[in-house]
Amino acid sequence: MNFPSENTVKRIKAEYPEGTRVELVHMDDPYTKIPEGTFGTVQVVDDTGTIHVKWDNGSSLGIVYGEDSCKKI
């Protein structure tokens, strides 16, 4: 797995601080039950650039940099 650069992680952390509301655009995980279009709240961005989200449907899967995508709402 290729991790994002330190500068990219800093940018993601600045763009998605704790409490930011997001909408799931795409999750590249065949086992997830989170449908695209689900809303959630960012809990934290870790040092690999994964955006950990508490989804409104009760799930708490992270958005993996370079694999999944979300947008701020």
Protein backbone atom coordinates (compact mmCIF):
# COMPACT_ATOMS: atom_id res chain seq x y z
CA MET A 1 0.00 0.00 0.00
CA ASN A 2 1.26 3.46 -0.87
CA PHE A 3 0.73 5.97 1.90
CA PRO A 4 0.25 9.67 1.13
CA SER A 5 3.08 12.11 1.76
CA GLU A 6 3.34 14.01 5.01
CA ASN A 7 2.23 17.19 3.21
CA THR A 8 -0.84 15.43 1.79
CA VAL A 9 -1.81 14.16 5.25
CA LYS A 10 -1.43 17.69 6.67
CA ARG A 11 -3.69 19.01 3.89
CA ILE A 12 -6.34 16.34 4.56
CA LYS A 13 -6.23 17.06 8.30
CA ALA A 14 -6.69 20.78 7.64
CA GLU A 15 -9.54 20.20 5.18
CA TYR A 16 -11.42 17.68 7.35
CA PRO A 17 -11.11 18.70 11.02
CA GLU A 18 -13.14 16.94 13.70
CA GLY A 19 -16.84 17.75 13.38
CA THR A 20 -16.82 18.31 9.60
CA ARG A 21 -19.94 16.92 7.94
CA VAL A 22 -19.32 14.74 4.88
CA GLU A 23 -21.24 12.72 2.31
CA LEU A 24 -19.96 9.36 1.07
CA VAL A 25 -19.29 9.52 -2.67
CA HIS A 26 -17.67 6.10 -3.12
CA MET A 27 -16.26 3.35 -0.91
CA ASP A 28 -14.14 0.66 -2.55
CA ASP A 29 -15.12 -2.08 -0.08
CA PRO A 30 -17.37 -4.93 -1.30
CA TYR A 31 -18.31 -5.80 2.30
CA THR A 32 -19.51 -2.38 3.47
CA LYS A 33 -23.15 -1.74 4.11
CA ILE A 34 -22.76 2.03 3.85
CA PRO A 35 -24.59 3.23 0.74
CA GLU A 36 -23.22 6.07 -1.35
CA GLY A 37 -24.91 9.31 -0.35
CA THR A 38 -24.77 8.52 3.38
CA PHE A 39 -23.89 11.48 5.62
CA GLY A 40 -21.55 11.45 8.59
CA THR A 41 -19.33 13.46 10.92
CA VAL A 42 -15.53 13.35 10.87
CA GLN A 43 -14.02 12.09 14.11
CA VAL A 44 -10.33 12.28 13.20
CA VAL A 45 -7.85 12.02 10.33
CA ASP A 46 -5.05 9.58 11.15
CA ASP A 47 -1.40 9.70 10.07
CA THR A 48 -2.13 7.62 6.93
CA GLY A 49 -4.69 10.18 5.74
CA THR A 50 -7.70 7.98 6.54
CA ILE A 51 -10.72 10.11 7.44
CA HIS A 52 -12.51 8.33 10.31
CA VAL A 53 -16.22 9.07 10.14
CA LYS A 54 -19.16 8.37 12.43
CA TRP A 55 -21.83 7.70 9.81
CA ASP A 56 -25.43 8.69 10.45
CA ASN A 57 -26.47 5.06 9.92
CA GLY A 58 -24.43 4.01 12.97
CA SER A 59 -21.34 2.70 11.17
CA SER A 60 -17.86 4.11 11.74
CA LEU A 61 -15.75 3.05 8.77
CA GLY A 62 -12.95 5.32 7.56
CA ILE A 63 -12.48 6.90 4.15
CA VAL A 64 -9.14 5.53 2.87
CA TYR A 65 -7.03 8.04 0.93
CA GLY A 66 -6.72 7.06 -2.73
CA GLU A 67 -9.37 4.31 -2.50
CA ASP A 68 -12.57 5.92 -1.24
CA SER A 69 -14.03 9.38 -1.55
CA CYS A 70 -16.30 11.78 0.29
CA LYS A 71 -17.21 15.43 0.01
CA LYS A 72 -17.79 18.16 2.57
CA ILE A 73 -21.38 19.28 2.98
